[in-house]
Amino acid sequence: MSQIRRLFVCTHQKSGVGDDVAKALKKELKSQGLKKRVANGQKQHAQVQTCNCLDLCRNCKKGPGAALIVYPEGTVYGNVRPADAAELVAEHVGRGHVVKRLRIDE
């Protein structure tokens, strides 16, 4: 059985930071070897997908970053910038730990 983790990144900002965050996440998944891997005998895939709006702007405080949701967990992050990609990929995708400084509690 295969497990798929999806990172949905909002690209509805005027600054275009969502596209930059998505590109940085894709780069980090590949460079950290976490795009496709086998862990505990199970195949795991991680995909970054962009979407027009996640309806989270009020939670992000309209900061300079983007909002994103990681499924299947449903963890919501806000004000994410491209520089945060390495930490998000290593901690959330790699180790399964929430990055508390970026997490939005809904």
PDB file of N, CA and C in Angstrom:
ATOM      1  N   MET A   1       0.844  -1.192   0.000  1.00  0.00           N
ATOM      2  CA  MET A   1       0.000   0.000   0.000  1.00  0.00           C
ATOM      3  C   MET A   1       0.882   1.244   0.000  1.00  0.00           C
ATOM      4  N   SER A   2       0.456   2.250  -0.684  1.00  0.00           N
ATOM      5  CA  SER A   2       1.222   3.478  -0.824  1.00  0.00           C
ATOM      6  C   SER A   2       0.531   4.623  -0.091  1.00  0.00           C
ATOM      7  N   GLN A   3       1.327   5.453   0.554  1.00  0.00           N
ATOM      8  CA  GLN A   3       0.796   6.625   1.240  1.00  0.00           C
ATOM      9  C   GLN A   3       1.208   7.875   0.464  1.00  0.00           C
ATOM     10  N   ILE A   4       0.246   8.763   0.226  1.00  0.00           N
ATOM     11  CA  ILE A   4       0.534  10.006  -0.488  1.00  0.00           C
ATOM     12  C   ILE A   4       0.289  11.179   0.447  1.00  0.00           C
ATOM     13  N   ARG A   5       1.284  12.018   0.563  1.00  0.00           N
ATOM     14  CA  ARG A   5       1.149  13.258   1.337  1.00  0.00           C
ATOM     15  C   ARG A   5       1.117  14.401   0.324  1.00  0.00           C
ATOM     16  N   ARG A   6       0.112  15.259   0.451  1.00  0.00           N
ATOM     17  CA  ARG A   6      -0.035  16.391  -0.464  1.00  0.00           C
ATOM     18  C   ARG A   6       0.102  17.699   0.293  1.00  0.00           C
ATOM     19  N   LEU A   7       0.857  18.600  -0.284  1.00  0.00           N
ATOM     20  CA  LEU A   7       1.030  19.931   0.270  1.00  0.00           C
ATOM     21  C   LEU A   7       0.354  20.905  -0.696  1.00  0.00           C
ATOM     22  N   PHE A   8      -0.790  21.453  -0.288  1.00  0.00           N
ATOM     23  CA  PHE A   8      -1.534  22.401  -1.105  1.00  0.00           C
ATOM     24  C   PHE A   8      -1.108  23.810  -0.725  1.00  0.00           C
ATOM     25  N   VAL A   9      -0.608  24.552  -1.696  1.00  0.00           N
ATOM     26  CA  VAL A   9      -0.087  25.898  -1.460  1.00  0.00           C
ATOM     27  C   VAL A   9      -0.993  26.923  -2.137  1.00  0.00           C
ATOM     28  N   CYS A  10      -1.446  27.904  -1.365  1.00  0.00           N
ATOM     29  CA  CYS A  10      -2.275  28.985  -1.903  1.00  0.00           C
ATOM     30  C   CYS A  10      -1.408  29.914  -2.747  1.00  0.00           C
ATOM     31  N   THR A  11      -1.911  30.236  -3.938  1.00  0.00           N
ATOM     32  CA  THR A  11      -1.177  31.139  -4.836  1.00  0.00           C
ATOM     33  C   THR A  11      -1.977  32.409  -5.123  1.00  0.00           C
ATOM     34  N   HIS A  12      -2.865  32.772  -4.213  1.00  0.00           N
ATOM     35  CA  HIS A  12      -3.773  33.902  -4.444  1.00  0.00           C
ATOM     36  C   HIS A  12      -3.204  35.244  -3.950  1.00  0.00           C
ATOM     37  N   GLN A  13      -1.943  35.314  -3.587  1.00  0.00           N
ATOM     38  CA  GLN A  13      -1.348  36.563  -3.107  1.00  0.00           C
ATOM     39  C   GLN A  13      -0.933  37.439  -4.289  1.00  0.00           C
ATOM     40  N   LYS A  14      -1.019  38.732  -4.094  1.00  0.00           N
ATOM     41  CA  LYS A  14      -0.595  39.665  -5.146  1.00  0.00           C
ATOM     42  C   LYS A  14       0.905  39.580  -5.389  1.00  0.00           C
ATOM     43  N   SER A  15       1.662  39.237  -4.365  1.00  0.00           N
ATOM     44  CA  SER A  15       3.123  39.210  -4.486  1.00  0.00           C
ATOM     45  C   SER A  15       3.641  37.999  -5.252  1.00  0.00           C
ATOM     46  N   GLY A  16       2.827  36.961  -5.417  1.00  0.00           N
ATOM     47  CA  GLY A  16       3.289  35.757  -6.088  1.00  0.00           C
ATOM     48  C   GLY A  16       4.110  34.843  -5.205  1.00  0.00           C
ATOM     49  N   VAL A  17       4.135  35.096  -3.900  1.00  0.00           N
ATOM     50  CA  VAL A  17       4.960  34.304  -2.997  1.00  0.00           C
ATOM     51  C   VAL A  17       4.523  32.837  -2.956  1.00  0.00           C
ATOM     52  N   GLY A  18       3.246  32.558  -3.197  1.00  0.00           N
ATOM     53  CA  GLY A  18       2.778  31.172  -3.176  1.00  0.00           C
ATOM     54  C   GLY A  18       3.478  30.325  -4.226  1.00  0.00           C
ATOM     55  N   ASP A  19       3.644  30.872  -5.420  1.00  0.00           N
ATOM     56  CA  ASP A  19       4.364  30.148  -6.476  1.00  0.00           C
ATOM     57  C   ASP A  19       5.811  29.896  -6.067  1.00  0.00           C
ATOM     58  N   ASP A  20       6.428  30.887  -5.438  1.00  0.00           N
ATOM     59  CA  ASP A  20       7.812  30.730  -4.989  1.00  0.00           C
ATOM     60  C   ASP A  20       7.919  29.681  -3.884  1.00  0.00           C
ATOM     61  N   VAL A  21       6.941  29.648  -2.984  1.00  0.00           N
ATOM     62  CA  VAL A  21       6.925  28.646  -1.914  1.00  0.00           C
ATOM     63  C   VAL A  21       6.763  27.252  -2.520  1.00  0.00           C
ATOM     64  N   ALA A  22       5.853  27.099  -3.465  1.00  0.00           N
ATOM     65  CA  ALA A  22       5.643  25.799  -4.108  1.00  0.00           C
ATOM     66  C   ALA A  22       6.915  25.303  -4.790  1.00  0.00           C
ATOM     67  N   LYS A  23       7.598  26.189  -5.512  1.00  0.00           N
ATOM     68  CA  LYS A  23       8.853  25.811  -6.175  1.00  0.00           C
ATOM     69  C   LYS A  23       9.910  25.397  -5.161  1.00  0.00           C
ATOM     70  N   ALA A  24      10.010  26.147  -4.068  1.00  0.00           N
ATOM     71  CA  ALA A  24      10.998  25.826  -3.036  1.00  0.00           C
ATOM     72  C   ALA A  24      10.687  24.496  -2.365  1.00  0.00           C
ATOM     73  N   LEU A  25       9.405  24.208  -2.118  1.00  0.00           N
ATOM     74  CA  LEU A  25       9.021  22.931  -1.518  1.00  0.00           C
ATOM     75  C   LEU A  25       9.361  21.766  -2.449  1.00  0.00           C
ATOM     76  N   LYS A  26       9.065  21.916  -3.734  1.00  0.00           N
ATOM     77  CA  LYS A  26       9.385  20.867  -4.704  1.00  0.00           C
ATOM     78  C   LYS A  26      10.885  20.611  -4.751  1.00  0.00           C
ATOM     79  N   LYS A  27      11.662  21.670  -4.751  1.00  0.00           N
ATOM     80  CA  LYS A  27      13.122  21.543  -4.777  1.00  0.00           C
ATOM     81  C   LYS A  27      13.616  20.807  -3.535  1.00  0.00           C
ATOM     82  N   GLU A  28      13.076  21.162  -2.371  1.00  0.00           N
ATOM     83  CA  GLU A  28      13.507  20.524  -1.127  1.00  0.00           C
ATOM     84  C   GLU A  28      13.092  19.056  -1.044  1.00  0.00           C
ATOM     85  N   LEU A  29      11.896  18.733  -1.506  1.00  0.00           N
ATOM     86  CA  LEU A  29      11.475  17.328  -1.516  1.00  0.00           C
ATOM     87  C   LEU A  29      12.450  16.483  -2.317  1.00  0.00           C
ATOM     88  N   LYS A  30      12.860  17.018  -3.454  1.00  0.00           N
ATOM     89  CA  LYS A  30      13.799  16.284  -4.317  1.00  0.00           C
ATOM     90  C   LYS A  30      15.187  16.216  -3.679  1.00  0.00           C
ATOM     91  N   SER A  31      15.698  17.347  -3.216  1.00  0.00           N
ATOM     92  CA  SER A  31      17.067  17.363  -2.684  1.00  0.00           C
ATOM     93  C   SER A  31      17.202  16.584  -1.380  1.00  0.00           C
ATOM     94  N   GLN A  32      16.132  16.524  -0.573  1.00  0.00           N
ATOM     95  CA  GLN A  32      16.173  15.768   0.674  1.00  0.00           C
ATOM     96  C   GLN A  32      15.768  14.298   0.478  1.00  0.00           C
ATOM     97  N   GLY A  33      15.461  13.923  -0.764  1.00  0.00           N
ATOM     98  CA  GLY A  33      15.114  12.534  -1.063  1.00  0.00           C
ATOM     99  C   GLY A  33      13.780  12.103  -0.480  1.00  0.00           C
ATOM    100  N   LEU A  34      12.842  13.048  -0.325  1.00  0.00           N
ATOM    101  CA  LEU A  34      11.567  12.729   0.310  1.00  0.00           C
ATOM    102  C   LEU A  34      10.380  12.751  -0.654  1.00  0.00           C
ATOM    103  N   LYS A  35      10.655  12.959  -1.935  1.00  0.00           N
ATOM    104  CA  LYS A  35       9.564  12.967  -2.905  1.00  0.00           C
ATOM    105  C   LYS A  35       8.971  11.560  -3.040  1.00  0.00           C
ATOM    106  N   LYS A  36       9.831  10.579  -3.128  1.00  0.00           N
ATOM    107  CA  LYS A  36       9.431   9.170  -3.150  1.00  0.00           C
ATOM    108  C   LYS A  36      10.427   8.408  -2.284  1.00  0.00           C
ATOM    109  N   ARG A  37       9.874   7.614  -1.368  1.00  0.00           N
ATOM    110  CA  ARG A  37      10.758   6.833  -0.507  1.00  0.00           C
ATOM    111  C   ARG A  37      10.000   5.646   0.055  1.00  0.00           C
ATOM    112  N   VAL A  38      10.742   4.743   0.672  1.00  0.00           N
ATOM    113  CA  VAL A  38      10.151   3.620   1.381  1.00  0.00           C
ATOM    114  C   VAL A  38      10.529   3.772   2.841  1.00  0.00           C
ATOM    115  N   ALA A  39       9.517   3.791   3.704  1.00  0.00           N
ATOM    116  CA  ALA A  39       9.737   3.903   5.145  1.00  0.00           C
ATOM    117  C   ALA A  39       8.874   2.863   5.841  1.00  0.00           C
ATOM    118  N   ASN A  40       9.488   2.119   6.728  1.00  0.00           N
ATOM    119  CA  ASN A  40       8.780   1.052   7.451  1.00  0.00           C
ATOM    120  C   ASN A  40       8.094   0.075   6.496  1.00  0.00           C
ATOM    121  N   GLY A  41       8.746  -0.210   5.371  1.00  0.00           N
ATOM    122  CA  GLY A  41       8.210  -1.149   4.397  1.00  0.00           C
ATOM    123  C   GLY A  41       7.055  -0.616   3.570  1.00  0.00           C
ATOM    124  N   GLN A  42       6.776   0.690   3.676  1.00  0.00           N
ATOM    125  CA  GLN A  42       5.659   1.284   2.955  1.00  0.00           C
ATOM    126  C   GLN A  42       6.158   2.360   1.996  1.00  0.00           C
ATOM    127  N   LYS A  43       5.632   2.335   0.768  1.00  0.00           N
ATOM    128  CA  LYS A  43       5.978   3.373  -0.195  1.00  0.00           C
ATOM    129  C   LYS A  43       5.295   4.672   0.204  1.00  0.00           C
ATOM    130  N   GLN A  44       6.057   5.764   0.161  1.00  0.00           N
ATOM    131  CA  GLN A  44       5.514   7.076   0.493  1.00  0.00           C
ATOM    132  C   GLN A  44       5.864   8.055  -0.618  1.00  0.00           C
ATOM    133  N   HIS A  45       4.888   8.858  -0.993  1.00  0.00           N
ATOM    134  CA  HIS A  45       5.059   9.889  -2.017  1.00  0.00           C
ATOM    135  C   HIS A  45       4.651  11.218  -1.422  1.00  0.00           C
ATOM    136  N   ALA A  46       5.310  12.272  -1.814  1.00  0.00           N
ATOM    137  CA  ALA A  46       4.928  13.620  -1.405  1.00  0.00           C
ATOM    138  C   ALA A  46       4.790  14.473  -2.662  1.00  0.00           C
ATOM    139  N   GLN A  47       3.702  15.217  -2.732  1.00  0.00           N
ATOM    140  CA  GLN A  47       3.429  16.065  -3.892  1.00  0.00           C
ATOM    141  C   GLN A  47       3.087  17.474  -3.436  1.00  0.00           C
ATOM    142  N   VAL A  48       3.548  18.441  -4.193  1.00  0.00           N
ATOM    143  CA  VAL A  48       3.194  19.835  -3.958  1.00  0.00           C
ATOM    144  C   VAL A  48       2.218  20.241  -5.046  1.00  0.00           C
ATOM    145  N   GLN A  49       1.086  20.792  -4.630  1.00  0.00           N
ATOM    146  CA  GLN A  49       0.089  21.248  -5.580  1.00  0.00           C
ATOM    147  C   GLN A  49      -0.298  22.678  -5.224  1.00  0.00           C
ATOM    148  N   THR A  50      -0.494  23.488  -6.239  1.00  0.00           N
ATOM    149  CA  THR A  50      -0.923  24.859  -5.998  1.00  0.00           C
ATOM    150  C   THR A  50      -2.437  24.941  -6.161  1.00  0.00           C
ATOM    151  N   CYS A  51      -3.012  25.906  -5.469  1.00  0.00           N
ATOM    152  CA  CYS A  51      -4.451  26.141  -5.591  1.00  0.00           C
ATOM    153  C   CYS A  51      -4.680  27.644  -5.506  1.00  0.00           C
ATOM    154  N   ASN A  52      -5.789  28.084  -6.047  1.00  0.00           N
ATOM    155  CA  ASN A  52      -6.062  29.508  -6.137  1.00  0.00           C
ATOM    156  C   ASN A  52      -6.316  30.145  -4.775  1.00  0.00           C
ATOM    157  N   CYS A  53      -7.063  29.483  -3.900  1.00  0.00           N
ATOM    158  CA  CYS A  53      -7.375  30.083  -2.605  1.00  0.00           C
ATOM    159  C   CYS A  53      -7.715  29.003  -1.595  1.00  0.00           C
ATOM    160  N   LEU A  54      -7.182  29.128  -0.401  1.00  0.00           N
ATOM    161  CA  LEU A  54      -7.497  28.215   0.700  1.00  0.00           C
ATOM    162  C   LEU A  54      -8.411  28.873   1.729  1.00  0.00           C
ATOM    163  N   ASP A  55      -8.806  30.122   1.477  1.00  0.00           N
ATOM    164  CA  ASP A  55      -9.681  30.884   2.376  1.00  0.00           C
ATOM    165  C   ASP A  55      -9.075  30.986   3.778  1.00  0.00           C
ATOM    166  N   LEU A  56      -7.791  31.270   3.843  1.00  0.00           N
ATOM    167  CA  LEU A  56      -7.085  31.354   5.122  1.00  0.00           C
ATOM    168  C   LEU A  56      -6.432  32.704   5.369  1.00  0.00           C
ATOM    169  N   CYS A  57      -6.671  33.678   4.532  1.00  0.00           N
ATOM    170  CA  CYS A  57      -5.996  34.974   4.678  1.00  0.00           C
ATOM    171  C   CYS A  57      -6.207  35.593   6.048  1.00  0.00           C
ATOM    172  N   ARG A  58      -7.400  35.453   6.599  1.00  0.00           N
ATOM    173  CA  ARG A  58      -7.655  36.038   7.920  1.00  0.00           C
ATOM    174  C   ARG A  58      -6.774  35.399   8.989  1.00  0.00           C
ATOM    175  N   ASN A  59      -6.407  34.143   8.794  1.00  0.00           N
ATOM    176  CA  ASN A  59      -5.557  33.446   9.757  1.00  0.00           C
ATOM    177  C   ASN A  59      -4.082  33.753   9.559  1.00  0.00           C
ATOM    178  N   CYS A  60      -3.680  34.035   8.338  1.00  0.00           N
ATOM    179  CA  CYS A  60      -2.275  34.343   8.050  1.00  0.00           C
ATOM    180  C   CYS A  60      -1.927  35.768   8.429  1.00  0.00           C
ATOM    181  N   LYS A  61      -2.931  36.553   8.769  1.00  0.00           N
ATOM    182  CA  LYS A  61      -2.742  37.966   9.089  1.00  0.00           C
ATOM    183  C   LYS A  61      -2.202  38.724   7.890  1.00  0.00           C
ATOM    184  N   LYS A  62      -2.475  38.194   6.711  1.00  0.00           N
ATOM    185  CA  LYS A  62      -2.048  38.822   5.458  1.00  0.00           C
ATOM    186  C   LYS A  62      -0.573  39.212   5.463  1.00  0.00           C
ATOM    187  N   GLY A  63       0.234  38.338   6.052  1.00  0.00           N
ATOM    188  CA  GLY A  63       1.676  38.555   6.092  1.00  0.00           C
ATOM    189  C   GLY A  63       2.299  38.345   4.728  1.00  0.00           C
ATOM    190  N   PRO A  64       3.601  38.423   4.653  1.00  0.00           N
ATOM    191  CA  PRO A  64       4.288  38.318   3.370  1.00  0.00           C
ATOM    192  C   PRO A  64       4.427  36.889   2.846  1.00  0.00           C
ATOM    193  N   GLY A  65       3.889  35.917   3.569  1.00  0.00           N
ATOM    194  CA  GLY A  65       4.030  34.521   3.153  1.00  0.00           C
ATOM    195  C   GLY A  65       2.743  33.943   2.600  1.00  0.00           C
ATOM    196  N   ALA A  66       2.770  32.645   2.350  1.00  0.00           N
ATOM    197  CA  ALA A  66       1.622  31.921   1.790  1.00  0.00           C
ATOM    198  C   ALA A  66       1.046  30.969   2.831  1.00  0.00           C
ATOM    199  N   ALA A  67      -0.202  30.592   2.606  1.00  0.00           N
ATOM    200  CA  ALA A  67      -0.833  29.560   3.426  1.00  0.00           C
ATOM    201  C   ALA A  67      -0.685  28.223   2.709  1.00  0.00           C
ATOM    202  N   LEU A  68      -0.605  27.156   3.493  1.00  0.00           N
ATOM    203  CA  LEU A  68      -0.606  25.816   2.903  1.00  0.00           C
ATOM    204  C   LEU A  68      -1.215  24.821   3.868  1.00  0.00           C
ATOM    205  N   ILE A  69      -1.751  23.754   3.312  1.00  0.00           N
ATOM    206  CA  ILE A  69      -2.335  22.666   4.093  1.00  0.00           C
ATOM    207  C   ILE A  69      -1.648  21.377   3.675  1.00  0.00           C
ATOM    208  N   VAL A  70      -1.277  20.572   4.673  1.00  0.00           N
ATOM    209  CA  VAL A  70      -0.649  19.282   4.415  1.00  0.00           C
ATOM    210  C   VAL A  70      -1.667  18.183   4.707  1.00  0.00           C
ATOM    211  N   TYR A  71      -1.933  17.350   3.694  1.00  0.00           N
ATOM    212  CA  TYR A  71      -2.827  16.205   3.845  1.00  0.00           C
ATOM    213  C   TYR A  71      -2.032  14.926   3.709  1.00  0.00           C
ATOM    214  N   PRO A  72      -2.386  13.869   4.428  1.00  0.00           N
ATOM    215  CA  PRO A  72      -3.685  13.609   5.006  1.00  0.00           C
ATOM    216  C   PRO A  72      -3.894  14.172   6.419  1.00  0.00           C
ATOM    217  N   GLU A  73      -2.889  14.763   7.018  1.00  0.00           N
ATOM    218  CA  GLU A  73      -3.018  15.234   8.396  1.00  0.00           C
ATOM    219  C   GLU A  73      -3.974  16.417   8.546  1.00  0.00           C
ATOM    220  N   GLY A  74      -4.028  17.276   7.533  1.00  0.00           N
ATOM    221  CA  GLY A  74      -4.855  18.474   7.614  1.00  0.00           C
ATOM    222  C   GLY A  74      -4.185  19.595   8.389  1.00  0.00           C
ATOM    223  N   THR A  75      -2.876  19.543   8.533  1.00  0.00           N
ATOM    224  CA  THR A  75      -2.133  20.590   9.234  1.00  0.00           C
ATOM    225  C   THR A  75      -2.099  21.845   8.377  1.00  0.00           C
ATOM    226  N   VAL A  76      -2.423  22.981   8.997  1.00  0.00           N
ATOM    227  CA  VAL A  76      -2.492  24.253   8.284  1.00  0.00           C
ATOM    228  C   VAL A  76      -1.323  25.132   8.719  1.00  0.00           C
ATOM    229  N   TYR A  77      -0.603  25.658   7.740  1.00  0.00           N
ATOM    230  CA  TYR A  77       0.514  26.567   7.998  1.00  0.00           C
ATOM    231  C   TYR A  77       0.205  27.915   7.358  1.00  0.00           C
ATOM    232  N   GLY A  78       0.703  28.980   7.970  1.00  0.00           N
ATOM    233  CA  GLY A  78       0.489  30.309   7.430  1.00  0.00           C
ATOM    234  C   GLY A  78       1.755  31.131   7.412  1.00  0.00           C
ATOM    235  N   ASN A  79       1.752  32.137   6.576  1.00  0.00           N
ATOM    236  CA  ASN A  79       2.880  33.052   6.429  1.00  0.00           C
ATOM    237  C   ASN A  79       4.174  32.302   6.088  1.00  0.00           C
ATOM    238  N   VAL A  80       4.040  31.280   5.260  1.00  0.00           N
ATOM    239  CA  VAL A  80       5.181  30.462   4.848  1.00  0.00           C
ATOM    240  C   VAL A  80       5.910  31.168   3.718  1.00  0.00           C
ATOM    241  N   ARG A  81       7.212  31.229   3.843  1.00  0.00           N
ATOM    242  CA  ARG A  81       8.060  31.860   2.823  1.00  0.00           C
ATOM    243  C   ARG A  81       8.970  30.807   2.199  1.00  0.00           C
ATOM    244  N   PRO A  82       9.527  31.088   1.042  1.00  0.00           N
ATOM    245  CA  PRO A  82      10.414  30.106   0.413  1.00  0.00           C
ATOM    246  C   PRO A  82      11.545  29.641   1.339  1.00  0.00           C
ATOM    247  N   ALA A  83      12.050  30.530   2.179  1.00  0.00           N
ATOM    248  CA  ALA A  83      13.140  30.162   3.098  1.00  0.00           C
ATOM    249  C   ALA A  83      12.707  29.133   4.147  1.00  0.00           C
ATOM    250  N   ASP A  84      11.395  28.949   4.333  1.00  0.00           N
ATOM    251  CA  ASP A  84      10.877  27.976   5.301  1.00  0.00           C
ATOM    252  C   ASP A  84      10.764  26.571   4.716  1.00  0.00           C
ATOM    253  N   ALA A  85      10.942  26.435   3.422  1.00  0.00           N
ATOM    254  CA  ALA A  85      10.709  25.158   2.746  1.00  0.00           C
ATOM    255  C   ALA A  85      11.589  24.031   3.278  1.00  0.00           C
ATOM    256  N   ALA A  86      12.863  24.287   3.481  1.00  0.00           N
ATOM    257  CA  ALA A  86      13.766  23.227   3.945  1.00  0.00           C
ATOM    258  C   ALA A  86      13.328  22.681   5.301  1.00  0.00           C
ATOM    259  N   GLU A  87      12.964  23.574   6.210  1.00  0.00           N
ATOM    260  CA  GLU A  87      12.522  23.146   7.539  1.00  0.00           C
ATOM    261  C   GLU A  87      11.191  22.393   7.464  1.00  0.00           C
ATOM    262  N   LEU A  88      10.241  22.893   6.688  1.00  0.00           N
ATOM    263  CA  LEU A  88       8.946  22.223   6.560  1.00  0.00           C
ATOM    264  C   LEU A  88       9.092  20.817   5.993  1.00  0.00           C
ATOM    265  N   VAL A  89       9.892  20.685   4.965  1.00  0.00           N
ATOM    266  CA  VAL A  89      10.076  19.376   4.343  1.00  0.00           C
ATOM    267  C   VAL A  89      10.794  18.423   5.304  1.00  0.00           C
ATOM    268  N   ALA A  90      11.868  18.877   5.915  1.00  0.00           N
ATOM    269  CA  ALA A  90      12.622  18.007   6.826  1.00  0.00           C
ATOM    270  C   ALA A  90      11.785  17.590   8.030  1.00  0.00           C
ATOM    271  N   GLU A  91      11.124  18.551   8.643  1.00  0.00           N
ATOM    272  CA  GLU A  91      10.390  18.267   9.879  1.00  0.00           C
ATOM    273  C   GLU A  91       9.040  17.597   9.623  1.00  0.00           C
ATOM    274  N   HIS A  92       8.214  18.189   8.794  1.00  0.00           N
ATOM    275  CA  HIS A  92       6.862  17.644   8.624  1.00  0.00           C
ATOM    276  C   HIS A  92       6.852  16.402   7.736  1.00  0.00           C
ATOM    277  N   VAL A  93       7.448  16.516   6.562  1.00  0.00           N
ATOM    278  CA  VAL A  93       7.430  15.381   5.638  1.00  0.00           C
ATOM    279  C   VAL A  93       8.407  14.301   6.089  1.00  0.00           C
ATOM    280  N   GLY A  94       9.602  14.707   6.482  1.00  0.00           N
ATOM    281  CA  GLY A  94      10.630  13.731   6.847  1.00  0.00           C
ATOM    282  C   GLY A  94      10.438  13.073   8.192  1.00  0.00           C
ATOM    283  N   ARG A  95      10.119  13.860   9.214  1.00  0.00           N
ATOM    284  CA  ARG A  95      10.040  13.336  10.580  1.00  0.00           C
ATOM    285  C   ARG A  95       8.617  13.248  11.128  1.00  0.00           C
ATOM    286  N   GLY A  96       7.666  13.872  10.429  1.00  0.00           N
ATOM    287  CA  GLY A  96       6.284  13.845  10.893  1.00  0.00           C
ATOM    288  C   GLY A  96       6.000  14.803  12.034  1.00  0.00           C
ATOM    289  N   HIS A  97       6.875  15.815  12.212  1.00  0.00           N
ATOM    290  CA  HIS A  97       6.698  16.802  13.280  1.00  0.00           C
ATOM    291  C   HIS A  97       6.121  18.101  12.726  1.00  0.00           C
ATOM    292  N   VAL A  98       5.162  18.659  13.430  1.00  0.00           N
ATOM    293  CA  VAL A  98       4.573  19.940  13.036  1.00  0.00           C
ATOM    294  C   VAL A  98       5.578  21.056  13.319  1.00  0.00           C
ATOM    295  N   VAL A  99       5.696  21.997  12.404  1.00  0.00           N
ATOM    296  CA  VAL A  99       6.540  23.170  12.594  1.00  0.00           C
ATOM    297  C   VAL A  99       5.663  24.212  13.296  1.00  0.00           C
ATOM    298  N   LYS A 100       5.776  24.262  14.614  1.00  0.00           N
ATOM    299  CA  LYS A 100       4.850  25.041  15.440  1.00  0.00           C
ATOM    300  C   LYS A 100       4.866  26.534  15.139  1.00  0.00           C
ATOM    301  N   ARG A 101       6.023  27.093  14.779  1.00  0.00           N
ATOM    302  CA  ARG A 101       6.093  28.538  14.553  1.00  0.00           C
ATOM    303  C   ARG A 101       5.298  28.988  13.324  1.00  0.00           C
ATOM    304  N   LEU A 102       4.996  28.058  12.428  1.00  0.00           N
ATOM    305  CA  LEU A 102       4.240  28.380  11.216  1.00  0.00           C
ATOM    306  C   LEU A 102       2.806  27.860  11.258  1.00  0.00           C
ATOM    307  N   ARG A 103       2.485  27.054  12.217  1.00  0.00           N
ATOM    308  CA  ARG A 103       1.172  26.414  12.277  1.00  0.00           C
ATOM    309  C   ARG A 103       0.068  27.418  12.617  1.00  0.00           C
ATOM    310  N   ILE A 104      -1.061  27.243  11.954  1.00  0.00           N
ATOM    311  CA  ILE A 104      -2.245  28.048  12.225  1.00  0.00           C
ATOM    312  C   ILE A 104      -3.238  27.140  12.947  1.00  0.00           C
ATOM    313  N   ASP A 105      -3.707  27.574  14.082  1.00  0.00           N
ATOM    314  CA  ASP A 105      -4.764  26.852  14.788  1.00  0.00           C
ATOM    315  C   ASP A 105      -6.092  27.425  14.329  1.00  0.00           C
ATOM    316  N   GLU A 106      -6.896  26.591  13.709  1.00  0.00           N
ATOM    317  CA  GLU A 106      -8.183  27.095  13.201  1.00  0.00           C
ATOM    318  C   GLU A 106      -9.245  27.041  14.254  1.00  0.00           C
TER     319      GLU A 106
END
